[in-house]
């Protein structure tokens, strides 16, 4: 009889120990899941925070100029996003057009400039020059245009 009581108490104690360990492990697993979800939410919110470039005047019409004149225009833009905007590359559609741009990060709400110079020498007729702006913005590749007519000398 004593042996039966000892075995019975041992089995019950083993079950209680297993049950307590299981509850503790479940609590730890739940806490870890909460931490992982919180970290995932933070990373997701950071991933959705973008810079966004918005040009005040994406198309500039210089109307008419005489061949050989230099047309210069500043394309002002604003970072309307939530993180700093970084321009990585600015290219023009032809060698007669030379762009220059802000190299420093543009903070949210701040303005920057893409300066463009067009040499009309040898470019008689209607002109449309495309300037491509690459950046870390949500609209990663944007364009501005320079257009008008070059009259023969």
N, C-alpha and C. Protein backbone atom coordinates (compact mmCIF):
# COMPACT_ATOMS: atom_id res chain seq x y z
N UNK A 1 0.81 -1.18 0.00
CA UNK A 1 0.00 0.00 0.00
C UNK A 1 0.86 1.26 0.00
N UNK A 2 1.89 1.25 0.86
CA UNK A 2 2.78 2.40 0.90
C UNK A 2 3.46 2.59 -0.45
N UNK A 3 3.79 1.51 -1.08
CA UNK A 3 4.44 1.57 -2.39
C UNK A 3 3.51 2.20 -3.42
N UNK A 4 2.24 1.88 -3.36
CA UNK A 4 1.25 2.44 -4.28
C UNK A 4 1.13 3.94 -4.07
N UNK A 5 1.09 4.37 -2.80
CA UNK A 5 1.02 5.81 -2.49
C UNK A 5 2.26 6.54 -3.00
N UNK A 6 3.38 5.96 -2.83
CA UNK A 6 4.64 6.59 -3.28
C UNK A 6 4.65 6.71 -4.79
N UNK A 7 4.25 5.67 -5.48
CA UNK A 7 4.21 5.69 -6.95
C UNK A 7 3.17 6.71 -7.42
N UNK A 8 2.00 6.71 -6.78
CA UNK A 8 0.94 7.65 -7.14
C UNK A 8 1.38 9.10 -6.92
N UNK A 9 2.02 9.39 -5.79
CA UNK A 9 2.52 10.74 -5.52
C UNK A 9 3.61 11.13 -6.51
N UNK A 10 4.43 10.20 -6.85
CA UNK A 10 5.52 10.48 -7.82
C UNK A 10 4.95 10.82 -9.18
N UNK A 11 3.96 10.06 -9.62
CA UNK A 11 3.33 10.30 -10.93
C UNK A 11 2.63 11.66 -10.92
N UNK A 12 1.89 11.96 -9.86
CA UNK A 12 1.21 13.26 -9.76
C UNK A 12 2.21 14.41 -9.75
N UNK A 13 3.28 14.25 -9.01
CA UNK A 13 4.32 15.29 -8.97
C UNK A 13 4.94 15.52 -10.35
N UNK A 14 5.15 14.44 -11.07
CA UNK A 14 5.71 14.54 -12.42
C UNK A 14 4.77 15.30 -13.34
N UNK A 15 3.46 14.99 -13.25
CA UNK A 15 2.47 15.70 -14.07
C UNK A 15 2.42 17.19 -13.73
N UNK A 16 2.46 17.51 -12.42
CA UNK A 16 2.43 18.91 -12.00
C UNK A 16 3.67 19.65 -12.49
N UNK A 17 4.81 19.01 -12.38
CA UNK A 17 6.05 19.62 -12.86
C UNK A 17 5.99 19.87 -14.36
N UNK A 18 5.50 18.88 -15.11
CA UNK A 18 5.39 19.01 -16.56
C UNK A 18 4.39 20.11 -16.91
N UNK A 19 3.29 20.19 -16.19
CA UNK A 19 2.27 21.21 -16.47
C UNK A 19 2.81 22.60 -16.17
N UNK A 20 3.54 22.77 -15.08
CA UNK A 20 4.11 24.08 -14.74
C UNK A 20 5.16 24.49 -15.75
N UNK A 21 5.99 23.54 -16.15
CA UNK A 21 7.02 23.84 -17.14
C UNK A 21 6.37 24.23 -18.46
N UNK A 22 5.32 23.53 -18.83
CA UNK A 22 4.62 23.80 -20.08
C UNK A 22 4.02 25.20 -20.07
N UNK A 23 3.37 25.61 -18.93
CA UNK A 23 2.78 26.94 -18.84
C UNK A 23 3.85 28.02 -18.90
N UNK A 24 4.96 27.78 -18.24
CA UNK A 24 6.06 28.74 -18.25
C UNK A 24 6.62 28.90 -19.65
N UNK A 25 6.80 27.78 -20.35
CA UNK A 25 7.31 27.83 -21.71
C UNK A 25 6.33 28.56 -22.63
N UNK A 26 5.02 28.34 -22.41
CA UNK A 26 4.02 29.03 -23.23
C UNK A 26 4.07 30.53 -22.99
N UNK A 27 4.23 30.95 -21.71
CA UNK A 27 4.33 32.37 -21.41
C UNK A 27 5.57 32.97 -22.08
N UNK A 28 6.69 32.27 -21.98
CA UNK A 28 7.92 32.76 -22.62
C UNK A 28 7.77 32.83 -24.13
N UNK A 29 7.12 31.83 -24.71
CA UNK A 29 6.91 31.82 -26.17
C UNK A 29 5.99 32.97 -26.57
N UNK A 30 4.94 33.23 -25.76
CA UNK A 30 4.03 34.33 -26.06
C UNK A 30 4.76 35.67 -25.98
N UNK A 31 5.61 35.83 -24.97
CA UNK A 31 6.37 37.07 -24.83
C UNK A 31 7.32 37.24 -26.01
N UNK A 32 7.94 36.16 -26.45
CA UNK A 32 8.86 36.24 -27.59
C UNK A 32 8.09 36.59 -28.86
N UNK A 33 6.90 35.98 -29.05
CA UNK A 33 6.07 36.31 -30.21
C UNK A 33 5.71 37.79 -30.23
N UNK A 34 5.35 38.34 -29.06
CA UNK A 34 5.01 39.76 -28.95
C UNK A 34 6.19 40.63 -29.33
N UNK A 35 7.39 40.26 -28.86
CA UNK A 35 8.61 41.01 -29.19
C UNK A 35 8.88 40.95 -30.68
N UNK A 36 8.72 39.75 -31.27
CA UNK A 36 8.96 39.59 -32.70
C UNK A 36 7.96 40.40 -33.51
N UNK A 37 6.70 40.40 -33.10
CA UNK A 37 5.68 41.17 -33.81
C UNK A 37 6.00 42.66 -33.71
N UNK A 38 6.36 43.13 -32.50
CA UNK A 38 6.70 44.53 -32.30
C UNK A 38 7.88 44.94 -33.17
N UNK A 39 8.91 44.10 -33.22
CA UNK A 39 10.08 44.39 -34.06
C UNK A 39 9.69 44.40 -35.53
N UNK A 40 8.87 43.44 -35.94
CA UNK A 40 8.42 43.37 -37.34
C UNK A 40 7.61 44.61 -37.69
N UNK A 41 6.73 45.06 -36.79
CA UNK A 41 5.94 46.27 -37.04
C UNK A 41 6.83 47.49 -37.18
N UNK A 42 7.85 47.60 -36.33
CA UNK A 42 8.78 48.72 -36.40
C UNK A 42 9.52 48.72 -37.73
N UNK A 43 10.02 47.56 -38.13
CA UNK A 43 10.74 47.45 -39.41
C UNK A 43 9.81 47.76 -40.58
N UNK A 44 8.57 47.29 -40.51
CA UNK A 44 7.61 47.57 -41.58
C UNK A 44 7.31 49.05 -41.68
N UNK A 45 7.16 49.73 -40.54
CA UNK A 45 6.88 51.17 -40.59
C UNK A 45 8.07 51.93 -41.13
N UNK A 46 9.29 51.49 -40.80
CA UNK A 46 10.47 52.15 -41.35
C UNK A 46 10.58 51.89 -42.84
N UNK A 47 10.20 50.69 -43.27
CA UNK A 47 10.29 50.35 -44.69
C UNK A 47 9.30 51.15 -45.51
N UNK A 48 8.17 51.56 -44.91
CA UNK A 48 7.18 52.32 -45.65
C UNK A 48 7.44 53.82 -45.58
N UNK A 49 8.41 54.25 -44.82
CA UNK A 49 8.76 55.66 -44.73
C UNK A 49 9.71 55.97 -45.88
N UNK A 50 9.28 56.81 -46.79
CA UNK A 50 10.07 57.14 -47.96
C UNK A 50 10.31 58.63 -48.06
N UNK A 51 11.30 58.96 -48.84
CA UNK A 51 11.45 60.33 -49.32
C UNK A 51 10.57 60.41 -50.57
N UNK A 52 10.07 61.57 -50.87
CA UNK A 52 9.29 61.76 -52.09
C UNK A 52 9.68 63.10 -52.70
N UNK A 53 10.08 63.05 -53.96
CA UNK A 53 10.52 64.27 -54.65
C UNK A 53 9.35 64.85 -55.43
N UNK A 54 9.14 66.16 -55.26
CA UNK A 54 8.04 66.85 -55.94
C UNK A 54 8.60 68.13 -56.56
N UNK A 55 8.63 68.18 -57.90
CA UNK A 55 9.13 69.36 -58.60
C UNK A 55 8.06 70.43 -58.71
N UNK A 56 8.45 71.68 -58.49
CA UNK A 56 7.51 72.80 -58.60
C UNK A 56 7.10 73.01 -60.05
N UNK A 57 8.05 72.84 -60.98
CA UNK A 57 7.80 73.07 -62.40
C UNK A 57 8.55 71.99 -63.19
N UNK A 58 7.91 70.83 -63.43
CA UNK A 58 8.61 69.74 -64.11
C UNK A 58 8.86 69.97 -65.60
N UNK A 59 8.14 70.93 -66.19
CA UNK A 59 8.36 71.25 -67.61
C UNK A 59 8.64 72.74 -67.72
N UNK A 60 9.80 73.07 -68.31
CA UNK A 60 10.15 74.47 -68.53
C UNK A 60 10.20 74.72 -70.03
N UNK A 61 9.40 75.68 -70.50
CA UNK A 61 9.38 76.06 -71.90
C UNK A 61 10.14 77.37 -72.05
N UNK A 62 11.28 77.31 -72.75
CA UNK A 62 12.07 78.53 -72.95
C UNK A 62 11.62 79.31 -74.17
N UNK A 63 10.55 78.89 -74.80
CA UNK A 63 9.95 79.53 -75.97
C UNK A 63 10.92 79.55 -77.15
N UNK A 64 11.45 80.71 -77.54
CA UNK A 64 12.36 80.78 -78.68
C UNK A 64 13.67 81.46 -78.27
N UNK A 65 14.77 80.89 -78.76
CA UNK A 65 16.09 81.48 -78.58
C UNK A 65 16.82 81.37 -79.91
N UNK A 66 17.84 82.23 -80.08
CA UNK A 66 18.66 82.15 -81.29
C UNK A 66 19.74 81.11 -81.10
N UNK A 67 20.06 80.43 -82.16
CA UNK A 67 21.10 79.40 -82.13
C UNK A 67 22.37 79.96 -81.50
N UNK A 68 22.96 79.18 -80.61
CA UNK A 68 24.18 79.59 -79.92
C UNK A 68 23.94 80.12 -78.51
N UNK A 69 22.70 80.50 -78.21
CA UNK A 69 22.40 80.99 -76.86
C UNK A 69 22.41 79.83 -75.87
N UNK A 70 22.75 80.16 -74.63
CA UNK A 70 22.71 79.19 -73.54
C UNK A 70 21.43 79.44 -72.75
N UNK A 71 20.65 78.38 -72.56
CA UNK A 71 19.44 78.47 -71.75
C UNK A 71 19.74 77.77 -70.42
N UNK A 72 19.51 78.48 -69.33
CA UNK A 72 19.73 77.91 -68.00
C UNK A 72 18.41 77.96 -67.23
N UNK A 73 18.16 76.90 -66.49
CA UNK A 73 16.95 76.86 -65.66
C UNK A 73 17.21 76.05 -64.40
N UNK A 74 16.64 76.50 -63.28
CA UNK A 74 16.72 75.78 -62.01
C UNK A 74 15.39 75.11 -61.75
N UNK A 75 15.41 73.79 -61.63
CA UNK A 75 14.23 73.02 -61.28
C UNK A 75 14.24 72.83 -59.76
N UNK A 76 13.37 73.55 -59.08
CA UNK A 76 13.29 73.47 -57.63
C UNK A 76 12.34 72.33 -57.25
N UNK A 77 12.76 71.57 -56.26
CA UNK A 77 11.93 70.47 -55.78
C UNK A 77 11.87 70.50 -54.26
N UNK A 78 10.88 69.79 -53.73
CA UNK A 78 10.71 69.66 -52.28
C UNK A 78 10.65 68.17 -51.94
N UNK A 79 11.27 67.81 -50.83
CA UNK A 79 11.14 66.46 -50.30
C UNK A 79 9.86 66.45 -49.46
N UNK A 80 8.80 65.90 -50.02
CA UNK A 80 7.52 65.84 -49.29
C UNK A 80 7.35 64.50 -48.57
N UNK A 81 8.44 63.73 -48.49
CA UNK A 81 8.41 62.45 -47.80
C UNK A 81 8.78 62.56 -46.34
N UNK A 82 9.04 61.38 -45.74
CA UNK A 82 9.28 61.32 -44.29
C UNK A 82 10.74 61.09 -43.90
N UNK A 83 11.61 60.83 -44.88
CA UNK A 83 13.03 60.59 -44.59
C UNK A 83 13.86 61.45 -45.54
N UNK A 84 15.15 61.65 -45.24
CA UNK A 84 15.99 62.47 -46.12
C UNK A 84 16.04 61.93 -47.55
N UNK A 85 16.02 62.85 -48.50
CA UNK A 85 16.07 62.54 -49.92
C UNK A 85 17.51 62.66 -50.40
N UNK A 86 17.98 61.65 -51.12
CA UNK A 86 19.33 61.67 -51.66
C UNK A 86 19.27 61.45 -53.16
N UNK A 87 19.72 62.45 -53.92
CA UNK A 87 19.81 62.30 -55.38
C UNK A 87 21.09 61.54 -55.68
N UNK A 88 20.98 60.46 -56.44
CA UNK A 88 22.16 59.65 -56.73
C UNK A 88 22.73 59.92 -58.11
N UNK A 89 21.87 60.30 -59.05
CA UNK A 89 22.34 60.51 -60.42
C UNK A 89 21.35 61.40 -61.17
N UNK A 90 21.86 62.32 -61.97
CA UNK A 90 21.03 63.15 -62.82
C UNK A 90 21.66 63.16 -64.20
N UNK A 91 20.89 62.71 -65.21
CA UNK A 91 21.39 62.62 -66.59
C UNK A 91 20.50 63.41 -67.52
N UNK A 92 21.11 63.93 -68.59
CA UNK A 92 20.36 64.63 -69.63
C UNK A 92 20.29 63.75 -70.88
N UNK A 93 19.29 64.00 -71.72
CA UNK A 93 19.07 63.17 -72.90
C UNK A 93 20.10 63.40 -74.01
N UNK A 94 20.87 64.50 -73.93
CA UNK A 94 21.91 64.71 -74.93
C UNK A 94 23.06 65.52 -74.32
N UNK A 95 24.18 65.52 -75.02
CA UNK A 95 25.38 66.20 -74.53
C UNK A 95 25.27 67.71 -74.53
N UNK A 96 24.29 68.27 -75.20
CA UNK A 96 24.12 69.72 -75.24
C UNK A 96 23.48 70.26 -73.96
N UNK A 97 23.01 69.35 -73.11
CA UNK A 97 22.34 69.73 -71.88
C UNK A 97 23.16 69.21 -70.69
N UNK A 98 23.50 70.13 -69.79
CA UNK A 98 24.35 69.77 -68.66
C UNK A 98 23.60 70.00 -67.35
N UNK A 99 23.38 68.92 -66.57
CA UNK A 99 22.71 69.10 -65.28
C UNK A 99 23.72 69.19 -64.13
N UNK A 100 23.32 69.87 -63.07
CA UNK A 100 24.05 69.91 -61.82
C UNK A 100 22.98 69.80 -60.73
N UNK A 101 23.32 69.15 -59.60
CA UNK A 101 22.27 68.90 -58.61
C UNK A 101 22.81 68.92 -57.19
N UNK A 102 21.86 69.02 -56.26
CA UNK A 102 22.17 69.03 -54.84
C UNK A 102 22.80 67.70 -54.45
N UNK A 103 23.98 67.73 -53.86
CA UNK A 103 24.68 66.50 -53.46
C UNK A 103 24.38 66.11 -52.01
N UNK A 104 23.96 67.05 -51.19
CA UNK A 104 23.66 66.78 -49.79
C UNK A 104 22.24 66.25 -49.64
N UNK A 105 21.99 65.42 -48.62
CA UNK A 105 20.62 64.95 -48.39
C UNK A 105 19.67 66.13 -48.14
N UNK A 106 18.48 66.01 -48.68
CA UNK A 106 17.44 67.02 -48.52
C UNK A 106 16.48 66.48 -47.46
N UNK A 107 16.40 67.16 -46.34
CA UNK A 107 15.55 66.71 -45.23
C UNK A 107 14.07 66.86 -45.59
N UNK A 108 13.20 66.10 -44.93
CA UNK A 108 11.76 66.22 -45.18
C UNK A 108 11.30 67.68 -45.03
N UNK A 109 10.53 68.14 -46.01
CA UNK A 109 10.02 69.50 -46.00
C UNK A 109 10.98 70.53 -46.59
N UNK A 110 12.22 70.14 -46.85
CA UNK A 110 13.22 71.07 -47.38
C UNK A 110 13.23 71.05 -48.91
N UNK A 111 13.86 72.07 -49.49
CA UNK A 111 13.95 72.21 -50.95
C UNK A 111 15.36 71.93 -51.44
N UNK A 112 15.44 71.53 -52.70
CA UNK A 112 16.71 71.32 -53.39
C UNK A 112 16.57 71.82 -54.82
N UNK A 113 17.67 71.77 -55.56
CA UNK A 113 17.66 72.31 -56.93
C UNK A 113 18.42 71.39 -57.88
N UNK A 114 17.85 71.21 -59.07
CA UNK A 114 18.56 70.61 -60.19
C UNK A 114 18.74 71.74 -61.19
N UNK A 115 20.00 72.11 -61.44
CA UNK A 115 20.31 73.20 -62.37
C UNK A 115 20.63 72.59 -63.73
N UNK A 116 20.04 73.17 -64.77
CA UNK A 116 20.24 72.65 -66.12
C UNK A 116 20.68 73.78 -67.03
N UNK A 117 21.67 73.46 -67.86
CA UNK A 117 22.17 74.41 -68.84
C UNK A 117 22.10 73.75 -70.22
N UNK A 118 21.45 74.41 -71.17
CA UNK A 118 21.28 73.89 -72.53
C UNK A 118 22.02 74.80 -73.50
N UNK A 119 22.96 74.22 -74.25
CA UNK A 119 23.71 74.96 -75.27
C UNK A 119 23.01 74.74 -76.60
N UNK A 120 22.41 75.78 -77.15
CA UNK A 120 21.62 75.66 -78.37
C UNK A 120 22.43 75.66 -79.66
N UNK A 121 23.75 75.77 -79.55
CA UNK A 121 24.60 75.77 -80.75
C UNK A 121 24.42 74.47 -81.53
N UNK A 122 24.02 74.58 -82.80
CA UNK A 122 23.80 73.41 -83.64
C UNK A 122 22.52 72.66 -83.36
N UNK A 123 21.62 73.24 -82.61
CA UNK A 123 20.36 72.57 -82.22
C UNK A 123 19.13 73.28 -82.79
N UNK A 124 19.15 73.64 -84.07
CA UNK A 124 18.07 74.42 -84.69
C UNK A 124 16.78 73.59 -84.76
N UNK A 125 15.65 74.28 -84.49
CA UNK A 125 14.33 73.64 -84.55
C UNK A 125 13.74 73.45 -83.16
N UNK A 126 12.64 72.69 -83.15
CA UNK A 126 11.96 72.40 -81.88
C UNK A 126 12.84 71.45 -81.05
N UNK A 127 12.93 71.76 -79.76
CA UNK A 127 13.78 70.97 -78.86
C UNK A 127 12.96 70.49 -77.67
N UNK A 128 13.26 69.27 -77.24
CA UNK A 128 12.70 68.73 -76.01
C UNK A 128 13.79 67.89 -75.37
N UNK A 129 14.33 68.37 -74.28
CA UNK A 129 15.41 67.68 -73.58
C UNK A 129 14.84 67.10 -72.29
N UNK A 130 15.12 65.83 -72.05
CA UNK A 130 14.63 65.13 -70.87
C UNK A 130 15.79 64.99 -69.89
N UNK A 131 15.56 65.38 -68.66
CA UNK A 131 16.55 65.24 -67.59
C UNK A 131 15.99 64.21 -66.62
N UNK A 132 16.74 63.12 -66.42
CA UNK A 132 16.30 62.01 -65.56
C UNK A 132 16.98 62.13 -64.20
N UNK A 133 16.18 62.07 -63.16
CA UNK A 133 16.66 62.21 -61.78
C UNK A 133 16.44 60.89 -61.05
N UNK A 134 17.55 60.28 -60.59
CA UNK A 134 17.48 59.03 -59.81
C UNK A 134 17.76 59.36 -58.34
N UNK A 135 16.96 58.78 -57.45
CA UNK A 135 17.10 59.06 -56.02
C UNK A 135 16.57 57.90 -55.20
N UNK A 136 16.61 58.07 -53.88
CA UNK A 136 16.07 57.07 -52.96
C UNK A 136 14.59 57.29 -52.68
N UNK A 137 13.94 58.13 -53.47
CA UNK A 137 12.54 58.48 -53.24
C UNK A 137 11.61 57.33 -53.62
N UNK A 138 10.38 57.40 -53.14
CA UNK A 138 9.37 56.41 -53.53
C UNK A 138 9.16 56.46 -55.04
N UNK A 139 9.27 57.63 -55.62
CA UNK A 139 9.27 57.79 -57.07
C UNK A 139 10.75 57.89 -57.50
N UNK A 140 11.43 56.75 -57.46
CA UNK A 140 12.89 56.67 -57.58
C UNK A 140 13.45 57.29 -58.86
N UNK A 141 12.74 57.17 -59.96
CA UNK A 141 13.17 57.77 -61.22
C UNK A 141 12.11 58.78 -61.63
N UNK A 142 12.50 60.04 -61.71
CA UNK A 142 11.59 61.09 -62.16
C UNK A 142 12.26 61.85 -63.29
N UNK A 143 11.48 62.59 -64.03
CA UNK A 143 12.04 63.38 -65.13
C UNK A 143 11.51 64.80 -65.08
N UNK A 144 12.31 65.70 -65.62
CA UNK A 144 11.89 67.06 -65.90
C UNK A 144 12.22 67.32 -67.36
N UNK A 145 11.57 68.32 -67.93
CA UNK A 145 11.77 68.61 -69.36
C UNK A 145 12.14 70.06 -69.59
N UNK A 146 12.95 70.24 -70.61
CA UNK A 146 13.33 71.57 -71.08
C UNK A 146 12.93 71.59 -72.55
N UNK A 147 12.07 72.53 -72.94
CA UNK A 147 11.67 72.54 -74.34
C UNK A 147 11.46 73.93 -74.87
N UNK A 148 11.52 74.03 -76.17
CA UNK A 148 11.36 75.31 -76.85
C UNK A 148 11.87 75.19 -78.27
N UNK A 149 12.05 76.34 -78.90
CA UNK A 149 12.49 76.36 -80.30
C UNK A 149 13.78 77.16 -80.43
N UNK A 150 14.72 76.60 -81.18
CA UNK A 150 15.98 77.28 -81.46
C UNK A 150 15.90 77.79 -82.91
N UNK A 151 16.04 79.14 -83.04
CA UNK A 151 15.96 79.77 -84.37
C UNK A 151 17.37 79.87 -84.96
N UNK A 152 17.47 79.65 -86.26
CA UNK A 152 18.75 79.73 -86.95
C UNK A 152 19.29 81.15 -86.83
N UNK A 153 20.64 81.24 -86.70
CA UNK A 153 21.32 82.55 -86.57
C UNK A 153 20.99 83.46 -87.71
